[in-house]
Amino acid sequence: MIRLRASTSDAVLDEAQVRRVRFLLLEFLPAARCQVSQGPGIAIVVPDRSQEDLTEALQRRIEETIGCQLVVDD
């Protein structure tokens, strides 16, 4: 399972950002489903993929979309 959270606890996503993050994860992992919490305290969960599946490049694209860094949430 991939679990990520924003490094900034008060970060919030708008609907366009949520759609973009979902697209990136579903298209480039690929994953069957993912959950993106808008925040405050953005959380992203991809239940059917392992943490090793998330490449640095994909994580950077997601971080660019949301405007802050992501950390692995164990």
PDB file of N, CA and C in Angstrom:
ATOM      1  N   MET A   1       0.846  -1.174   0.000  1.00  0.00           N
ATOM      2  CA  MET A   1       0.000   0.000   0.000  1.00  0.00           C
ATOM      3  C   MET A   1       0.893   1.239   0.000  1.00  0.00           C
ATOM      4  N   ILE A   2       0.543   2.192  -0.830  1.00  0.00           N
ATOM      5  CA  ILE A   2       1.231   3.481  -0.839  1.00  0.00           C
ATOM      6  C   ILE A   2       0.426   4.438   0.027  1.00  0.00           C
ATOM      7  N   ARG A   3       1.098   5.051   0.995  1.00  0.00           N
ATOM      8  CA  ARG A   3       0.470   6.053   1.853  1.00  0.00           C
ATOM      9  C   ARG A   3       1.382   7.269   1.905  1.00  0.00           C
ATOM     10  N   LEU A   4       0.845   8.387   1.483  1.00  0.00           N
ATOM     11  CA  LEU A   4       1.607   9.631   1.468  1.00  0.00           C
ATOM     12  C   LEU A   4       0.802  10.710   2.170  1.00  0.00           C
ATOM     13  N   ARG A   5       1.521  11.647   2.757  1.00  0.00           N
ATOM     14  CA  ARG A   5       0.852  12.806   3.346  1.00  0.00           C
ATOM     15  C   ARG A   5       1.687  14.039   3.040  1.00  0.00           C
ATOM     16  N   ALA A   6       1.035  15.159   3.017  1.00  0.00           N
ATOM     17  CA  ALA A   6       1.726  16.429   2.766  1.00  0.00           C
ATOM     18  C   ALA A   6       2.610  16.772   3.958  1.00  0.00           C
ATOM     19  N   SER A   7       3.773  17.314   3.668  1.00  0.00           N
ATOM     20  CA  SER A   7       4.688  17.717   4.747  1.00  0.00           C
ATOM     21  C   SER A   7       4.147  18.917   5.513  1.00  0.00           C
ATOM     22  N   THR A   8       3.229  19.640   4.908  1.00  0.00           N
ATOM     23  CA  THR A   8       2.585  20.796   5.533  1.00  0.00           C
ATOM     24  C   THR A   8       1.182  20.385   5.981  1.00  0.00           C
ATOM     25  N   SER A   9       0.937  20.421   7.281  1.00  0.00           N
ATOM     26  CA  SER A   9      -0.334  19.907   7.812  1.00  0.00           C
ATOM     27  C   SER A   9      -1.547  20.749   7.446  1.00  0.00           C
ATOM     28  N   ASP A  10      -1.347  22.000   7.060  1.00  0.00           N
ATOM     29  CA  ASP A  10      -2.488  22.854   6.730  1.00  0.00           C
ATOM     30  C   ASP A  10      -2.737  22.976   5.226  1.00  0.00           C
ATOM     31  N   ALA A  11      -2.017  22.167   4.421  1.00  0.00           N
ATOM     32  CA  ALA A  11      -2.190  22.209   2.960  1.00  0.00           C
ATOM     33  C   ALA A  11      -3.583  21.705   2.568  1.00  0.00           C
ATOM     34  N   VAL A  12      -4.155  22.350   1.552  1.00  0.00           N
ATOM     35  CA  VAL A  12      -5.494  22.004   1.065  1.00  0.00           C
ATOM     36  C   VAL A  12      -5.453  21.972  -0.462  1.00  0.00           C
ATOM     37  N   LEU A  13      -6.166  21.001  -1.048  1.00  0.00           N
ATOM     38  CA  LEU A  13      -6.254  20.871  -2.504  1.00  0.00           C
ATOM     39  C   LEU A  13      -7.604  21.347  -3.010  1.00  0.00           C
ATOM     40  N   ASP A  14      -7.614  21.910  -4.214  1.00  0.00           N
ATOM     41  CA  ASP A  14      -8.897  22.187  -4.852  1.00  0.00           C
ATOM     42  C   ASP A  14      -9.267  20.971  -5.717  1.00  0.00           C
ATOM     43  N   GLU A  15     -10.450  20.992  -6.281  1.00  0.00           N
ATOM     44  CA  GLU A  15     -10.946  19.847  -7.058  1.00  0.00           C
ATOM     45  C   GLU A  15     -10.066  19.524  -8.262  1.00  0.00           C
ATOM     46  N   ALA A  16      -9.545  20.544  -8.929  1.00  0.00           N
ATOM     47  CA  ALA A  16      -8.685  20.311 -10.091  1.00  0.00           C
ATOM     48  C   ALA A  16      -7.401  19.589  -9.686  1.00  0.00           C
ATOM     49  N   GLN A  17      -6.831  19.961  -8.561  1.00  0.00           N
ATOM     50  CA  GLN A  17      -5.623  19.291  -8.073  1.00  0.00           C
ATOM     51  C   GLN A  17      -5.917  17.828  -7.714  1.00  0.00           C
ATOM     52  N   VAL A  18      -7.046  17.589  -7.075  1.00  0.00           N
ATOM     53  CA  VAL A  18      -7.428  16.216  -6.721  1.00  0.00           C
ATOM     54  C   VAL A  18      -7.566  15.374  -7.985  1.00  0.00           C
ATOM     55  N   ARG A  19      -8.245  15.900  -8.994  1.00  0.00           N
ATOM     56  CA  ARG A  19      -8.407  15.155 -10.258  1.00  0.00           C
ATOM     57  C   ARG A  19      -7.063  14.875 -10.916  1.00  0.00           C
ATOM     58  N   ARG A  20      -6.166  15.859 -10.893  1.00  0.00           N
ATOM     59  CA  ARG A  20      -4.843  15.686 -11.508  1.00  0.00           C
ATOM     60  C   ARG A  20      -4.026  14.617 -10.778  1.00  0.00           C
ATOM     61  N   VAL A  21      -4.037  14.639  -9.448  1.00  0.00           N
ATOM     62  CA  VAL A  21      -3.315  13.630  -8.666  1.00  0.00           C
ATOM     63  C   VAL A  21      -3.881  12.241  -8.955  1.00  0.00           C
ATOM     64  N   ARG A  22      -5.201  12.116  -8.964  1.00  0.00           N
ATOM     65  CA  ARG A  22      -5.818  10.815  -9.284  1.00  0.00           C
ATOM     66  C   ARG A  22      -5.409  10.346 -10.677  1.00  0.00           C
ATOM     67  N   PHE A  23      -5.448  11.248 -11.645  1.00  0.00           N
ATOM     68  CA  PHE A  23      -5.052  10.887 -13.005  1.00  0.00           C
ATOM     69  C   PHE A  23      -3.617  10.372 -13.028  1.00  0.00           C
ATOM     70  N   LEU A  24      -2.705  11.110 -12.408  1.00  0.00           N
ATOM     71  CA  LEU A  24      -1.300  10.709 -12.411  1.00  0.00           C
ATOM     72  C   LEU A  24      -1.117   9.317 -11.805  1.00  0.00           C
ATOM     73  N   LEU A  25      -1.747   9.075 -10.687  1.00  0.00           N
ATOM     74  CA  LEU A  25      -1.595   7.778 -10.021  1.00  0.00           C
ATOM     75  C   LEU A  25      -2.239   6.643 -10.804  1.00  0.00           C
ATOM     76  N   LEU A  26      -3.449   6.859 -11.271  1.00  0.00           N
ATOM     77  CA  LEU A  26      -4.157   5.793 -11.980  1.00  0.00           C
ATOM     78  C   LEU A  26      -3.539   5.493 -13.335  1.00  0.00           C
ATOM     79  N   GLU A  27      -2.990   6.511 -13.975  1.00  0.00           N
ATOM     80  CA  GLU A  27      -2.414   6.348 -15.305  1.00  0.00           C
ATOM     81  C   GLU A  27      -0.991   5.813 -15.273  1.00  0.00           C
ATOM     82  N   PHE A  28      -0.173   6.327 -14.380  1.00  0.00           N
ATOM     83  CA  PHE A  28       1.250   6.024 -14.442  1.00  0.00           C
ATOM     84  C   PHE A  28       1.720   4.922 -13.513  1.00  0.00           C
ATOM     85  N   LEU A  29       0.910   4.490 -12.549  1.00  0.00           N
ATOM     86  CA  LEU A  29       1.356   3.358 -11.729  1.00  0.00           C
ATOM     87  C   LEU A  29       1.197   2.036 -12.474  1.00  0.00           C
ATOM     88  N   PRO A  30       0.206   1.658 -13.152  1.00  0.00           N
ATOM     89  CA  PRO A  30      -1.197   2.060 -13.028  1.00  0.00           C
ATOM     90  C   PRO A  30      -1.820   1.437 -11.779  1.00  0.00           C
ATOM     91  N   ALA A  31      -2.861   2.058 -11.319  1.00  0.00           N
ATOM     92  CA  ALA A  31      -3.570   1.566 -10.137  1.00  0.00           C
ATOM     93  C   ALA A  31      -5.049   1.461 -10.464  1.00  0.00           C
ATOM     94  N   ALA A  32      -5.718   0.574  -9.793  1.00  0.00           N
ATOM     95  CA  ALA A  32      -7.157   0.400  -9.993  1.00  0.00           C
ATOM     96  C   ALA A  32      -7.946   1.485  -9.275  1.00  0.00           C
ATOM     97  N   ARG A  33      -7.398   1.969  -8.148  1.00  0.00           N
ATOM     98  CA  ARG A  33      -8.095   3.001  -7.384  1.00  0.00           C
ATOM     99  C   ARG A  33      -7.111   3.730  -6.491  1.00  0.00           C
ATOM    100  N   CYS A  34      -7.509   4.912  -6.076  1.00  0.00           N
ATOM    101  CA  CYS A  34      -6.716   5.682  -5.120  1.00  0.00           C
ATOM    102  C   CYS A  34      -7.646   6.631  -4.382  1.00  0.00           C
ATOM    103  N   GLN A  35      -7.200   7.039  -3.209  1.00  0.00           N
ATOM    104  CA  GLN A  35      -7.964   7.977  -2.390  1.00  0.00           C
ATOM    105  C   GLN A  35      -7.112   9.210  -2.168  1.00  0.00           C
ATOM    106  N   VAL A  36      -7.698  10.367  -2.409  1.00  0.00           N
ATOM    107  CA  VAL A  36      -6.984  11.630  -2.213  1.00  0.00           C
ATOM    108  C   VAL A  36      -7.828  12.509  -1.302  1.00  0.00           C
ATOM    109  N   SER A  37      -7.306  12.786  -0.130  1.00  0.00           N
ATOM    110  CA  SER A  37      -7.983  13.657   0.829  1.00  0.00           C
ATOM    111  C   SER A  37      -7.572  15.095   0.561  1.00  0.00           C
ATOM    112  N   GLN A  38      -8.551  15.975   0.400  1.00  0.00           N
ATOM    113  CA  GLN A  38      -8.294  17.371   0.058  1.00  0.00           C
ATOM    114  C   GLN A  38      -7.624  18.146   1.171  1.00  0.00           C
ATOM    115  N   GLY A  39      -7.761  17.727   2.381  1.00  0.00           N
ATOM    116  CA  GLY A  39      -7.144  18.429   3.500  1.00  0.00           C
ATOM    117  C   GLY A  39      -8.135  19.311   4.230  1.00  0.00           C
ATOM    118  N   PRO A  40      -7.688  20.072   5.181  1.00  0.00           N
ATOM    119  CA  PRO A  40      -6.288  20.286   5.502  1.00  0.00           C
ATOM    120  C   PRO A  40      -5.612  18.987   5.954  1.00  0.00           C
ATOM    121  N   GLY A  41      -4.348  18.903   5.604  1.00  0.00           N
ATOM    122  CA  GLY A  41      -3.603  17.678   5.857  1.00  0.00           C
ATOM    123  C   GLY A  41      -3.824  16.688   4.733  1.00  0.00           C
ATOM    124  N   ILE A  42      -3.314  16.985   3.564  1.00  0.00           N
ATOM    125  CA  ILE A  42      -3.499  16.142   2.378  1.00  0.00           C
ATOM    126  C   ILE A  42      -2.981  14.733   2.652  1.00  0.00           C
ATOM    127  N   ALA A  43      -3.788  13.742   2.293  1.00  0.00           N
ATOM    128  CA  ALA A  43      -3.392  12.342   2.424  1.00  0.00           C
ATOM    129  C   ALA A  43      -3.738  11.618   1.123  1.00  0.00           C
ATOM    130  N   ILE A  44      -2.822  10.765   0.688  1.00  0.00           N
ATOM    131  CA  ILE A  44      -3.010   9.998  -0.545  1.00  0.00           C
ATOM    132  C   ILE A  44      -2.760   8.527  -0.234  1.00  0.00           C
ATOM    133  N   VAL A  45      -3.707   7.666  -0.645  1.00  0.00           N
ATOM    134  CA  VAL A  45      -3.584   6.230  -0.411  1.00  0.00           C
ATOM    135  C   VAL A  45      -3.874   5.497  -1.713  1.00  0.00           C
ATOM    136  N   VAL A  46      -2.968   4.584  -2.062  1.00  0.00           N
ATOM    137  CA  VAL A  46      -3.164   3.698  -3.210  1.00  0.00           C
ATOM    138  C   VAL A  46      -3.078   2.284  -2.649  1.00  0.00           C
ATOM    139  N   PRO A  47      -4.238   1.655  -2.371  1.00  0.00           N
ATOM    140  CA  PRO A  47      -4.232   0.391  -1.641  1.00  0.00           C
ATOM    141  C   PRO A  47      -3.651  -0.811  -2.394  1.00  0.00           C
ATOM    142  N   ASP A  48      -3.723  -0.822  -3.702  1.00  0.00           N
ATOM    143  CA  ASP A  48      -3.320  -2.023  -4.437  1.00  0.00           C
ATOM    144  C   ASP A  48      -1.919  -1.942  -5.042  1.00  0.00           C
ATOM    145  N   ARG A  49      -1.089  -0.984  -4.594  1.00  0.00           N
ATOM    146  CA  ARG A  49       0.297  -0.882  -5.072  1.00  0.00           C
ATOM    147  C   ARG A  49       1.235  -0.767  -3.867  1.00  0.00           C
ATOM    148  N   SER A  50       2.491  -1.162  -4.056  1.00  0.00           N
ATOM    149  CA  SER A  50       3.455  -1.068  -2.958  1.00  0.00           C
ATOM    150  C   SER A  50       4.252   0.225  -3.077  1.00  0.00           C
ATOM    151  N   GLN A  51       4.850   0.621  -1.985  1.00  0.00           N
ATOM    152  CA  GLN A  51       5.610   1.863  -1.931  1.00  0.00           C
ATOM    153  C   GLN A  51       6.721   1.884  -2.977  1.00  0.00           C
ATOM    154  N   GLU A  52       7.301   0.734  -3.274  1.00  0.00           N
ATOM    155  CA  GLU A  52       8.381   0.644  -4.260  1.00  0.00           C
ATOM    156  C   GLU A  52       7.911   0.973  -5.674  1.00  0.00           C
ATOM    157  N   ASP A  53       6.614   0.898  -5.922  1.00  0.00           N
ATOM    158  CA  ASP A  53       6.061   1.200  -7.242  1.00  0.00           C
ATOM    159  C   ASP A  53       6.056   2.696  -7.557  1.00  0.00           C
ATOM    160  N   LEU A  54       6.120   3.515  -6.538  1.00  0.00           N
ATOM    161  CA  LEU A  54       6.083   4.964  -6.726  1.00  0.00           C
ATOM    162  C   LEU A  54       7.480   5.462  -7.078  1.00  0.00           C
ATOM    163  N   THR A  55       7.662   5.903  -8.302  1.00  0.00           N
ATOM    164  CA  THR A  55       8.968   6.401  -8.736  1.00  0.00           C
ATOM    165  C   THR A  55       9.191   7.824  -8.226  1.00  0.00           C
ATOM    166  N   GLU A  56      10.453   8.214  -8.175  1.00  0.00           N
ATOM    167  CA  GLU A  56      10.784   9.578  -7.760  1.00  0.00           C
ATOM    168  C   GLU A  56      10.177  10.595  -8.721  1.00  0.00           C
ATOM    169  N   ALA A  57      10.212  10.285 -10.012  1.00  0.00           N
ATOM    170  CA  ALA A  57       9.671  11.210 -11.014  1.00  0.00           C
ATOM    171  C   ALA A  57       8.168  11.411 -10.822  1.00  0.00           C
ATOM    172  N   LEU A  58       7.440  10.332 -10.560  1.00  0.00           N
ATOM    173  CA  LEU A  58       5.992  10.446 -10.352  1.00  0.00           C
ATOM    174  C   LEU A  58       5.715  11.212  -9.069  1.00  0.00           C
ATOM    175  N   GLN A  59       6.456  10.941  -8.025  1.00  0.00           N
ATOM    176  CA  GLN A  59       6.254  11.670  -6.776  1.00  0.00           C
ATOM    177  C   GLN A  59       6.515  13.159  -6.978  1.00  0.00           C
ATOM    178  N   ARG A  60       7.553  13.509  -7.720  1.00  0.00           N
ATOM    179  CA  ARG A  60       7.833  14.927  -8.003  1.00  0.00           C
ATOM    180  C   ARG A  60       6.692  15.587  -8.766  1.00  0.00           C
ATOM    181  N   ARG A  61       6.124  14.868  -9.735  1.00  0.00           N
ATOM    182  CA  ARG A  61       4.993  15.441 -10.495  1.00  0.00           C
ATOM    183  C   ARG A  61       3.796  15.689  -9.590  1.00  0.00           C
ATOM    184  N   ILE A  62       3.547  14.774  -8.682  1.00  0.00           N
ATOM    185  CA  ILE A  62       2.441  14.950  -7.739  1.00  0.00           C
ATOM    186  C   ILE A  62       2.731  16.136  -6.819  1.00  0.00           C
ATOM    187  N   GLU A  63       3.973  16.233  -6.329  1.00  0.00           N
ATOM    188  CA  GLU A  63       4.347  17.349  -5.470  1.00  0.00           C
ATOM    189  C   GLU A  63       4.211  18.684  -6.192  1.00  0.00           C
ATOM    190  N   GLU A  64       4.567  18.723  -7.464  1.00  0.00           N
ATOM    191  CA  GLU A  64       4.382  19.955  -8.252  1.00  0.00           C
ATOM    192  C   GLU A  64       2.908  20.309  -8.353  1.00  0.00           C
ATOM    193  N   THR A  65       2.062  19.309  -8.502  1.00  0.00           N
ATOM    194  CA  THR A  65       0.623  19.528  -8.609  1.00  0.00           C
ATOM    195  C   THR A  65       0.033  20.067  -7.315  1.00  0.00           C
ATOM    196  N   ILE A  66       0.460  19.501  -6.186  1.00  0.00           N
ATOM    197  CA  ILE A  66      -0.139  19.914  -4.915  1.00  0.00           C
ATOM    198  C   ILE A  66       0.572  21.099  -4.266  1.00  0.00           C
ATOM    199  N   GLY A  67       1.786  21.411  -4.723  1.00  0.00           N
ATOM    200  CA  GLY A  67       2.494  22.577  -4.218  1.00  0.00           C
ATOM    201  C   GLY A  67       3.236  22.394  -2.915  1.00  0.00           C
ATOM    202  N   CYS A  68       3.497  21.150  -2.518  1.00  0.00           N
ATOM    203  CA  CYS A  68       4.300  20.888  -1.326  1.00  0.00           C
ATOM    204  C   CYS A  68       4.887  19.485  -1.396  1.00  0.00           C
ATOM    205  N   GLN A  69       5.832  19.206  -0.512  1.00  0.00           N
ATOM    206  CA  GLN A  69       6.457  17.892  -0.510  1.00  0.00           C
ATOM    207  C   GLN A  69       5.554  16.849   0.131  1.00  0.00           C
ATOM    208  N   LEU A  70       5.779  15.599  -0.284  1.00  0.00           N
ATOM    209  CA  LEU A  70       5.078  14.463   0.286  1.00  0.00           C
ATOM    210  C   LEU A  70       6.041  13.628   1.110  1.00  0.00           C
ATOM    211  N   VAL A  71       5.537  13.051   2.165  1.00  0.00           N
ATOM    212  CA  VAL A  71       6.325  12.126   2.984  1.00  0.00           C
ATOM    213  C   VAL A  71       5.571  10.811   3.076  1.00  0.00           C
ATOM    214  N   VAL A  72       6.329   9.727   3.214  1.00  0.00           N
ATOM    215  CA  VAL A  72       5.716   8.398   3.355  1.00  0.00           C
ATOM    216  C   VAL A  72       5.066   8.321   4.725  1.00  0.00           C
ATOM    217  N   ASP A  73       3.843   7.867   4.758  1.00  0.00           N
ATOM    218  CA  ASP A  73       3.082   7.737   5.998  1.00  0.00           C
ATOM    219  C   ASP A  73       2.938   6.258   6.302  1.00  0.00           C
ATOM    220  N   ASP A  74       3.695   5.783   7.282  1.00  0.00           N
ATOM    221  CA  ASP A  74       3.664   4.339   7.630  1.00  0.00           C
ATOM    222  C   ASP A  74       2.443   3.941   8.399  1.00  0.00           C
TER     223      ASP A  74
END
